[in-house]
Amino acid sequence: NEVYSIVNDRNRAIRVIATSKSAVRHNLGDKLHNI
């Protein structure tokens, strides 16, 4: 029900999409060797 409420709240859904797309852009494959 919590996940459903997030998806059905337009403001929160937009933020989920924006955050998810941002995460995809920040692929760390070429940086992990620095840890």
PDB file of all heavy atoms in Angstrom:
ATOM      1  N   ASN A   1       0.818  -1.210   0.000  1.00  0.00           N
ATOM      2  CA  ASN A   1       0.000   0.000   0.000  1.00  0.00           C
ATOM      3  C   ASN A   1       0.855   1.265   0.000  1.00  0.00           C
ATOM      4  O   ASN A   1       0.485   2.280  -0.608  1.00  0.00           O
ATOM      5  CB  ASN A   1      -0.941   0.005   1.201  1.00  0.00           C
ATOM      6  CG  ASN A   1      -2.063  -1.007   1.056  1.00  0.00           C
ATOM      7  OD1 ASN A   1      -2.477  -1.331  -0.056  1.00  0.00           O
ATOM      8  ND2 ASN A   1      -2.552  -1.527   2.180  1.00  0.00           N
ATOM      9  N   GLU A   2       2.010   1.223   0.686  1.00  0.00           N
ATOM     10  CA  GLU A   2       2.906   2.380   0.698  1.00  0.00           C
ATOM     11  C   GLU A   2       3.469   2.637  -0.694  1.00  0.00           C
ATOM     12  O   GLU A   2       3.496   3.785  -1.168  1.00  0.00           O
ATOM     13  CB  GLU A   2       4.033   2.158   1.707  1.00  0.00           C
ATOM     14  CG  GLU A   2       5.110   3.236   1.692  1.00  0.00           C
ATOM     15  CD  GLU A   2       4.602   4.619   2.051  1.00  0.00           C
ATOM     16  OE1 GLU A   2       3.508   4.724   2.655  1.00  0.00           O
ATOM     17  OE2 GLU A   2       5.292   5.614   1.719  1.00  0.00           O
ATOM     18  N   VAL A   3       3.927   1.580  -1.371  1.00  0.00           N
ATOM     19  CA  VAL A   3       4.442   1.743  -2.734  1.00  0.00           C
ATOM     20  C   VAL A   3       3.334   2.242  -3.659  1.00  0.00           C
ATOM     21  O   VAL A   3       3.541   3.139  -4.482  1.00  0.00           O
ATOM     22  CB  VAL A   3       5.032   0.414  -3.257  1.00  0.00           C
ATOM     23  CG1 VAL A   3       5.455   0.547  -4.724  1.00  0.00           C
ATOM     24  CG2 VAL A   3       6.225  -0.021  -2.411  1.00  0.00           C
ATOM     25  N   TYR A   4       2.147   1.679  -3.505  1.00  0.00           N
ATOM     26  CA  TYR A   4       1.008   2.092  -4.332  1.00  0.00           C
ATOM     27  C   TYR A   4       0.677   3.566  -4.124  1.00  0.00           C
ATOM     28  O   TYR A   4       0.395   4.299  -5.087  1.00  0.00           O
ATOM     29  CB  TYR A   4      -0.199   1.225  -3.989  1.00  0.00           C
ATOM     30  CG  TYR A   4      -1.432   1.517  -4.805  1.00  0.00           C
ATOM     31  CD1 TYR A   4      -1.515   1.144  -6.141  1.00  0.00           C
ATOM     32  CD2 TYR A   4      -2.526   2.160  -4.219  1.00  0.00           C
ATOM     33  CE1 TYR A   4      -2.662   1.403  -6.879  1.00  0.00           C
ATOM     34  CE2 TYR A   4      -3.673   2.421  -4.950  1.00  0.00           C
ATOM     35  CZ  TYR A   4      -3.736   2.043  -6.281  1.00  0.00           C
ATOM     36  OH  TYR A   4      -4.863   2.319  -7.018  1.00  0.00           O
ATOM     37  N   SER A   5       0.743   4.022  -2.873  1.00  0.00           N
ATOM     38  CA  SER A   5       0.427   5.425  -2.584  1.00  0.00           C
ATOM     39  C   SER A   5       1.464   6.363  -3.208  1.00  0.00           C
ATOM     40  O   SER A   5       1.119   7.462  -3.661  1.00  0.00           O
ATOM     41  CB  SER A   5       0.342   5.653  -1.073  1.00  0.00           C
ATOM     42  OG  SER A   5       1.621   5.564  -0.466  1.00  0.00           O
ATOM     43  N   ILE A   6       2.727   5.939  -3.234  1.00  0.00           N
ATOM     44  CA  ILE A   6       3.774   6.756  -3.849  1.00  0.00           C
ATOM     45  C   ILE A   6       3.521   6.894  -5.340  1.00  0.00           C
ATOM     46  O   ILE A   6       3.572   7.982  -5.909  1.00  0.00           O
ATOM     47  CB  ILE A   6       5.159   6.140  -3.582  1.00  0.00           C
ATOM     48  CG1 ILE A   6       5.523   6.272  -2.093  1.00  0.00           C
ATOM     49  CG2 ILE A   6       6.230   6.802  -4.455  1.00  0.00           C
ATOM     50  CD1 ILE A   6       6.770   5.518  -1.696  1.00  0.00           C
ATOM     51  N   VAL A   7       3.246   5.772  -5.991  1.00  0.00           N
ATOM     52  CA  VAL A   7       3.038   5.768  -7.436  1.00  0.00           C
ATOM     53  C   VAL A   7       1.837   6.626  -7.814  1.00  0.00           C
ATOM     54  O   VAL A   7       1.821   7.270  -8.877  1.00  0.00           O
ATOM     55  CB  VAL A   7       2.862   4.319  -7.937  1.00  0.00           C
ATOM     56  CG1 VAL A   7       2.374   4.287  -9.376  1.00  0.00           C
ATOM     57  CG2 VAL A   7       4.179   3.561  -7.805  1.00  0.00           C
ATOM     58  N   ASN A   8       0.822   6.642  -6.951  1.00  0.00           N
ATOM     59  CA  ASN A   8      -0.403   7.360  -7.276  1.00  0.00           C
ATOM     60  C   ASN A   8      -0.428   8.802  -6.785  1.00  0.00           C
ATOM     61  O   ASN A   8      -1.428   9.494  -6.966  1.00  0.00           O
ATOM     62  CB  ASN A   8      -1.609   6.592  -6.725  1.00  0.00           C
ATOM     63  CG  ASN A   8      -1.978   5.433  -7.613  1.00  0.00           C
ATOM     64  OD1 ASN A   8      -2.732   5.589  -8.562  1.00  0.00           O
ATOM     65  ND2 ASN A   8      -1.413   4.273  -7.327  1.00  0.00           N
ATOM     66  N   ASP A   9       0.656   9.249  -6.214  1.00  0.00           N
ATOM     67  CA  ASP A   9       0.824  10.655  -5.858  1.00  0.00           C
ATOM     68  C   ASP A   9       1.675  11.297  -6.956  1.00  0.00           C
ATOM     69  O   ASP A   9       2.854  10.974  -7.098  1.00  0.00           O
ATOM     70  CB  ASP A   9       1.506  10.767  -4.501  1.00  0.00           C
ATOM     71  CG  ASP A   9       1.672  12.202  -4.022  1.00  0.00           C
ATOM     72  OD1 ASP A   9       2.227  13.015  -4.799  1.00  0.00           O
ATOM     73  OD2 ASP A   9       1.285  12.498  -2.891  1.00  0.00           O
ATOM     74  N   ARG A  10       1.083  12.181  -7.739  1.00  0.00           N
ATOM     75  CA  ARG A  10       1.775  12.724  -8.914  1.00  0.00           C
ATOM     76  C   ARG A  10       3.111  13.356  -8.547  1.00  0.00           C
ATOM     77  O   ARG A  10       4.131  13.138  -9.221  1.00  0.00           O
ATOM     78  CB  ARG A  10       0.890  13.748  -9.625  1.00  0.00           C
ATOM     79  CG  ARG A  10       1.506  14.301 -10.918  1.00  0.00           C
ATOM     80  CD  ARG A  10       0.526  15.232 -11.635  1.00  0.00           C
ATOM     81  NE  ARG A  10       1.105  15.730 -12.865  1.00  0.00           N
ATOM     82  CZ  ARG A  10       1.907  16.791 -12.940  1.00  0.00           C
ATOM     83  NH1 ARG A  10       2.229  17.455 -11.830  1.00  0.00           N
ATOM     84  NH2 ARG A  10       2.393  17.181 -14.102  1.00  0.00           N
ATOM     85  N   ASN A  11       3.143  14.130  -7.482  1.00  0.00           N
ATOM     86  CA  ASN A  11       4.369  14.804  -7.069  1.00  0.00           C
ATOM     87  C   ASN A  11       5.457  13.799  -6.716  1.00  0.00           C
ATOM     88  O   ASN A  11       6.617  13.919  -7.141  1.00  0.00           O
ATOM     89  CB  ASN A  11       4.087  15.712  -5.873  1.00  0.00           C
ATOM     90  CG  ASN A  11       5.338  16.399  -5.359  1.00  0.00           C
ATOM     91  OD1 ASN A  11       6.034  17.100  -6.092  1.00  0.00           O
ATOM     92  ND2 ASN A  11       5.649  16.189  -4.082  1.00  0.00           N
ATOM     93  N   ARG A  12       5.085  12.779  -5.939  1.00  0.00           N
ATOM     94  CA  ARG A  12       6.081  11.790  -5.529  1.00  0.00           C
ATOM     95  C   ARG A  12       6.492  10.907  -6.699  1.00  0.00           C
ATOM     96  O   ARG A  12       7.665  10.529  -6.816  1.00  0.00           O
ATOM     97  CB  ARG A  12       5.545  10.953  -4.366  1.00  0.00           C
ATOM     98  CG  ARG A  12       5.332  11.783  -3.109  1.00  0.00           C
ATOM     99  CD  ARG A  12       5.379  10.933  -1.852  1.00  0.00           C
ATOM    100  NE  ARG A  12       4.183  10.123  -1.679  1.00  0.00           N
ATOM    101  CZ  ARG A  12       4.030   9.252  -0.679  1.00  0.00           C
ATOM    102  NH1 ARG A  12       4.992   9.075   0.210  1.00  0.00           N
ATOM    103  NH2 ARG A  12       2.915   8.566  -0.564  1.00  0.00           N
ATOM    104  N   ALA A  13       5.548  10.582  -7.581  1.00  0.00           N
ATOM    105  CA  ALA A  13       5.877   9.750  -8.741  1.00  0.00           C
ATOM    106  C   ALA A  13       6.888  10.445  -9.650  1.00  0.00           C
ATOM    107  O   ALA A  13       7.827   9.821 -10.161  1.00  0.00           O
ATOM    108  CB  ALA A  13       4.608   9.412  -9.527  1.00  0.00           C
ATOM    109  N   ILE A  14       6.707  11.746  -9.860  1.00  0.00           N
ATOM    110  CA  ILE A  14       7.652  12.513 -10.676  1.00  0.00           C
ATOM    111  C   ILE A  14       9.045  12.455 -10.060  1.00  0.00           C
ATOM    112  O   ILE A  14      10.060  12.306 -10.757  1.00  0.00           O
ATOM    113  CB  ILE A  14       7.173  13.976 -10.816  1.00  0.00           C
ATOM    114  CG1 ILE A  14       5.946  14.042 -11.730  1.00  0.00           C
ATOM    115  CG2 ILE A  14       8.294  14.873 -11.347  1.00  0.00           C
ATOM    116  CD1 ILE A  14       5.283  15.405 -11.762  1.00  0.00           C
ATOM    117  N   ARG A  15       9.119  12.550  -8.747  1.00  0.00           N
ATOM    118  CA  ARG A  15      10.409  12.520  -8.060  1.00  0.00           C
ATOM    119  C   ARG A  15      11.057  11.131  -8.137  1.00  0.00           C
ATOM    120  O   ARG A  15      12.277  11.015  -8.248  1.00  0.00           O
ATOM    121  CB  ARG A  15      10.227  12.962  -6.605  1.00  0.00           C
ATOM    122  CG  ARG A  15       9.906  14.454  -6.500  1.00  0.00           C
ATOM    123  CD  ARG A  15       9.375  14.825  -5.121  1.00  0.00           C
ATOM    124  NE  ARG A  15       9.049  16.242  -5.077  1.00  0.00           N
ATOM    125  CZ  ARG A  15       9.901  17.197  -4.712  1.00  0.00           C
ATOM    126  NH1 ARG A  15      11.128  16.868  -4.351  1.00  0.00           N
ATOM    127  NH2 ARG A  15       9.541  18.460  -4.712  1.00  0.00           N
ATOM    128  N   VAL A  16      10.236  10.095  -8.065  1.00  0.00           N
ATOM    129  CA  VAL A  16      10.763   8.738  -8.224  1.00  0.00           C
ATOM    130  C   VAL A  16      11.394   8.576  -9.608  1.00  0.00           C
ATOM    131  O   VAL A  16      12.502   8.053  -9.751  1.00  0.00           O
ATOM    132  CB  VAL A  16       9.654   7.690  -8.010  1.00  0.00           C
ATOM    133  CG1 VAL A  16      10.101   6.317  -8.497  1.00  0.00           C
ATOM    134  CG2 VAL A  16       9.266   7.618  -6.542  1.00  0.00           C
ATOM    135  N   ILE A  17      10.682   9.036 -10.629  1.00  0.00           N
ATOM    136  CA  ILE A  17      11.188   8.920 -12.003  1.00  0.00           C
ATOM    137  C   ILE A  17      12.477   9.711 -12.164  1.00  0.00           C
ATOM    138  O   ILE A  17      13.468   9.221 -12.730  1.00  0.00           O
ATOM    139  CB  ILE A  17      10.126   9.405 -13.013  1.00  0.00           C
ATOM    140  CG1 ILE A  17       8.911   8.475 -12.989  1.00  0.00           C
ATOM    141  CG2 ILE A  17      10.721   9.476 -14.416  1.00  0.00           C
ATOM    142  CD1 ILE A  17       7.722   9.000 -13.748  1.00  0.00           C
ATOM    143  N   ALA A  18      12.495  10.943 -11.663  1.00  0.00           N
ATOM    144  CA  ALA A  18      13.680  11.793 -11.795  1.00  0.00           C
ATOM    145  C   ALA A  18      14.883  11.181 -11.080  1.00  0.00           C
ATOM    146  O   ALA A  18      16.006  11.172 -11.604  1.00  0.00           O
ATOM    147  CB  ALA A  18      13.391  13.190 -11.247  1.00  0.00           C
ATOM    148  N   THR A  19      14.652  10.657  -9.880  1.00  0.00           N
ATOM    149  CA  THR A  19      15.739  10.044  -9.123  1.00  0.00           C
ATOM    150  C   THR A  19      16.247   8.793  -9.819  1.00  0.00           C
ATOM    151  O   THR A  19      17.461   8.555  -9.909  1.00  0.00           O
ATOM    152  CB  THR A  19      15.281   9.702  -7.693  1.00  0.00           C
ATOM    153  OG1 THR A  19      14.781  10.882  -7.058  1.00  0.00           O
ATOM    154  CG2 THR A  19      16.427   9.148  -6.875  1.00  0.00           C
ATOM    155  N   SER A  20      15.323   7.979 -10.331  1.00  0.00           N
ATOM    156  CA  SER A  20      15.712   6.742 -11.018  1.00  0.00           C
ATOM    157  C   SER A  20      16.534   7.041 -12.267  1.00  0.00           C
ATOM    158  O   SER A  20      17.563   6.399 -12.518  1.00  0.00           O
ATOM    159  CB  SER A  20      14.469   5.941 -11.397  1.00  0.00           C
ATOM    160  OG  SER A  20      13.743   5.549 -10.254  1.00  0.00           O
ATOM    161  N   LYS A  21      16.103   8.025 -13.041  1.00  0.00           N
ATOM    162  CA  LYS A  21      16.851   8.380 -14.251  1.00  0.00           C
ATOM    163  C   LYS A  21      18.218   8.936 -13.903  1.00  0.00           C
ATOM    164  O   LYS A  21      19.210   8.661 -14.594  1.00  0.00           O
ATOM    165  CB  LYS A  21      16.049   9.393 -15.079  1.00  0.00           C
ATOM    166  CG  LYS A  21      14.826   8.794 -15.759  1.00  0.00           C
ATOM    167  CD  LYS A  21      14.110   9.827 -16.626  1.00  0.00           C
ATOM    168  CE  LYS A  21      12.958   9.187 -17.398  1.00  0.00           C
ATOM    169  NZ  LYS A  21      12.241  10.186 -18.240  1.00  0.00           N
ATOM    170  N   SER A  22      18.283   9.706 -12.834  1.00  0.00           N
ATOM    171  CA  SER A  22      19.562  10.246 -12.382  1.00  0.00           C
ATOM    172  C   SER A  22      20.506   9.118 -11.973  1.00  0.00           C
ATOM    173  O   SER A  22      21.706   9.150 -12.274  1.00  0.00           O
ATOM    174  CB  SER A  22      19.340  11.197 -11.208  1.00  0.00           C
ATOM    175  OG  SER A  22      20.555  11.538 -10.589  1.00  0.00           O
ATOM    176  N   ALA A  23      19.972   8.104 -11.293  1.00  0.00           N
ATOM    177  CA  ALA A  23      20.800   6.975 -10.867  1.00  0.00           C
ATOM    178  C   ALA A  23      21.365   6.231 -12.072  1.00  0.00           C
ATOM    179  O   ALA A  23      22.537   5.835 -12.071  1.00  0.00           O
ATOM    180  CB  ALA A  23      19.973   6.036  -9.995  1.00  0.00           C
ATOM    181  N   VAL A  24      20.551   6.044 -13.092  1.00  0.00           N
ATOM    182  CA  VAL A  24      21.030   5.361 -14.305  1.00  0.00           C
ATOM    183  C   VAL A  24      22.168   6.145 -14.942  1.00  0.00           C
ATOM    184  O   VAL A  24      23.154   5.571 -15.430  1.00  0.00           O
ATOM    185  CB  VAL A  24      19.865   5.163 -15.296  1.00  0.00           C
ATOM    186  CG1 VAL A  24      20.392   4.665 -16.639  1.00  0.00           C
ATOM    187  CG2 VAL A  24      18.837   4.183 -14.726  1.00  0.00           C
ATOM    188  N   ARG A  25      22.065   7.472 -14.925  1.00  0.00           N
ATOM    189  CA  ARG A  25      23.124   8.309 -15.509  1.00  0.00           C
ATOM    190  C   ARG A  25      24.427   8.208 -14.726  1.00  0.00           C
ATOM    191  O   ARG A  25      25.504   8.420 -15.276  1.00  0.00           O
ATOM    192  CB  ARG A  25      22.675   9.776 -15.573  1.00  0.00           C
ATOM    193  CG  ARG A  25      21.581  10.051 -16.593  1.00  0.00           C
ATOM    194  CD  ARG A  25      21.447  11.547 -16.862  1.00  0.00           C
ATOM    195  NE  ARG A  25      21.079  12.291 -15.669  1.00  0.00           N
ATOM    196  CZ  ARG A  25      19.820  12.523 -15.281  1.00  0.00           C
ATOM    197  NH1 ARG A  25      18.810  12.044 -16.000  1.00  0.00           N
ATOM    198  NH2 ARG A  25      19.570  13.230 -14.197  1.00  0.00           N
ATOM    199  N   HIS A  26      24.333   7.894 -13.447  1.00  0.00           N
ATOM    200  CA  HIS A  26      25.526   7.812 -12.597  1.00  0.00           C
ATOM    201  C   HIS A  26      26.006   6.365 -12.491  1.00  0.00           C
ATOM    202  O   HIS A  26      26.129   5.804 -11.409  1.00  0.00           O
ATOM    203  CB  HIS A  26      25.240   8.389 -11.205  1.00  0.00           C
ATOM    204  CG  HIS A  26      25.252   9.877 -11.158  1.00  0.00           C
ATOM    205  ND1 HIS A  26      24.153  10.634 -11.508  1.00  0.00           N
ATOM    206  CD2 HIS A  26      26.232  10.758 -10.830  1.00  0.00           C
ATOM    207  CE1 HIS A  26      24.450  11.921 -11.366  1.00  0.00           C
ATOM    208  NE2 HIS A  26      25.702  12.021 -10.963  1.00  0.00           N
ATOM    209  N   ASN A  27      26.276   5.755 -13.625  1.00  0.00           N
ATOM    210  CA  ASN A  27      26.852   4.413 -13.635  1.00  0.00           C
ATOM    211  C   ASN A  27      28.305   4.497 -13.163  1.00  0.00           C
ATOM    212  O   ASN A  27      29.070   5.340 -13.625  1.00  0.00           O
ATOM    213  CB  ASN A  27      26.778   3.813 -15.038  1.00  0.00           C
ATOM    214  CG  ASN A  27      27.199   2.361 -15.057  1.00  0.00           C
ATOM    215  OD1 ASN A  27      28.386   2.042 -14.952  1.00  0.00           O
ATOM    216  ND2 ASN A  27      26.239   1.470 -15.192  1.00  0.00           N
ATOM    217  N   LEU A  28      28.680   3.616 -12.257  1.00  0.00           N
ATOM    218  CA  LEU A  28      29.970   3.740 -11.579  1.00  0.00           C
ATOM    219  C   LEU A  28      30.992   2.691 -12.011  1.00  0.00           C
ATOM    220  O   LEU A  28      32.028   2.529 -11.367  1.00  0.00           O
ATOM    221  CB  LEU A  28      29.757   3.644 -10.065  1.00  0.00           C
ATOM    222  CG  LEU A  28      28.838   4.711  -9.469  1.00  0.00           C
ATOM    223  CD1 LEU A  28      28.621   4.461  -7.985  1.00  0.00           C
ATOM    224  CD2 LEU A  28      29.413   6.109  -9.693  1.00  0.00           C
ATOM    225  N   GLY A  29      30.714   2.008 -13.114  1.00  0.00           N
ATOM    226  CA  GLY A  29      31.588   0.935 -13.539  1.00  0.00           C
ATOM    227  C   GLY A  29      33.041   1.328 -13.717  1.00  0.00           C
ATOM    228  O   GLY A  29      33.950   0.540 -13.429  1.00  0.00           O
ATOM    229  N   ASP A  30      33.282   2.557 -14.155  1.00  0.00           N
ATOM    230  CA  ASP A  30      34.665   2.989 -14.404  1.00  0.00           C
ATOM    231  C   ASP A  30      35.300   3.671 -13.197  1.00  0.00           C
ATOM    232  O   ASP A  30      36.431   4.165 -13.286  1.00  0.00           O
ATOM    233  CB  ASP A  30      34.714   3.928 -15.613  1.00  0.00           C
ATOM    234  CG  ASP A  30      33.909   5.210 -15.407  1.00  0.00           C
ATOM    235  OD1 ASP A  30      33.089   5.250 -14.461  1.00  0.00           O
ATOM    236  OD2 ASP A  30      34.080   6.166 -16.189  1.00  0.00           O
ATOM    237  N   LYS A  31      34.595   3.686 -12.056  1.00  0.00           N
ATOM    238  CA  LYS A  31      35.113   4.370 -10.864  1.00  0.00           C
ATOM    239  C   LYS A  31      35.336   3.439  -9.676  1.00  0.00           C
ATOM    240  O   LYS A  31      36.035   3.794  -8.724  1.00  0.00           O
ATOM    241  CB  LYS A  31      34.164   5.498 -10.440  1.00  0.00           C
ATOM    242  CG  LYS A  31      33.996   6.599 -11.490  1.00  0.00           C
ATOM    243  CD  LYS A  31      33.046   7.666 -10.993  1.00  0.00           C
ATOM    244  CE  LYS A  31      32.926   8.825 -11.986  1.00  0.00           C
ATOM    245  NZ  LYS A  31      32.313   8.404 -13.258  1.00  0.00           N
ATOM    246  N   LEU A  32      34.752   2.259  -9.708  1.00  0.00           N
ATOM    247  CA  LEU A  32      34.764   1.390  -8.534  1.00  0.00           C
ATOM    248  C   LEU A  32      36.162   0.937  -8.138  1.00  0.00           C
ATOM    249  O   LEU A  32      36.412   0.655  -6.961  1.00  0.00           O
ATOM    250  CB  LEU A  32      33.866   0.173  -8.778  1.00  0.00           C
ATOM    251  CG  LEU A  32      32.370   0.475  -8.953  1.00  0.00           C
ATOM    252  CD1 LEU A  32      31.602  -0.807  -9.248  1.00  0.00           C
ATOM    253  CD2 LEU A  32      31.796   1.166  -7.715  1.00  0.00           C
ATOM    254  N   HIS A  33      37.094   0.890  -9.093  1.00  0.00           N
ATOM    255  CA  HIS A  33      38.461   0.471  -8.763  1.00  0.00           C
ATOM    256  C   HIS A  33      39.147   1.462  -7.825  1.00  0.00           C
ATOM    257  O   HIS A  33      40.164   1.135  -7.209  1.00  0.00           O
ATOM    258  CB  HIS A  33      39.295   0.307 -10.037  1.00  0.00           C
ATOM    259  CG  HIS A  33      39.558   1.596 -10.750  1.00  0.00           C
ATOM    260  ND1 HIS A  33      38.624   2.180 -11.590  1.00  0.00           N
ATOM    261  CD2 HIS A  33      40.637   2.439 -10.741  1.00  0.00           C
ATOM    262  CE1 HIS A  33      39.121   3.313 -12.072  1.00  0.00           C
ATOM    263  NE2 HIS A  33      40.330   3.489 -11.572  1.00  0.00           N
ATOM    264  N   ASN A  34      38.574   2.657  -7.696  1.00  0.00           N
ATOM    265  CA  ASN A  34      39.159   3.683  -6.817  1.00  0.00           C
ATOM    266  C   ASN A  34      38.772   3.496  -5.352  1.00  0.00           C
ATOM    267  O   ASN A  34      39.324   4.176  -4.478  1.00  0.00           O
ATOM    268  CB  ASN A  34      38.728   5.076  -7.280  1.00  0.00           C
ATOM    269  CG  ASN A  34      39.312   5.442  -8.631  1.00  0.00           C
ATOM    270  OD1 ASN A  34      40.491   5.208  -8.887  1.00  0.00           O
ATOM    271  ND2 ASN A  34      38.487   6.014  -9.505  1.00  0.00           N
ATOM    272  N   ILE A  35      37.832   2.612  -5.066  1.00  0.00           N
ATOM    273  CA  ILE A  35      37.410   2.397  -3.685  1.00  0.00           C
ATOM    274  C   ILE A  35      38.466   1.562  -2.970  1.00  0.00           C
ATOM    275  O   ILE A  35      38.764   0.431  -3.375  1.00  0.00           O
ATOM    276  CB  ILE A  35      36.034   1.715  -3.622  1.00  0.00           C
ATOM    277  CG1 ILE A  35      34.959   2.666  -4.167  1.00  0.00           C
ATOM    278  CG2 ILE A  35      35.692   1.297  -2.188  1.00  0.00           C
ATOM    279  CD1 ILE A  35      33.569   2.079  -4.189  1.00  0.00           C
TER     280      ILE A  35
END
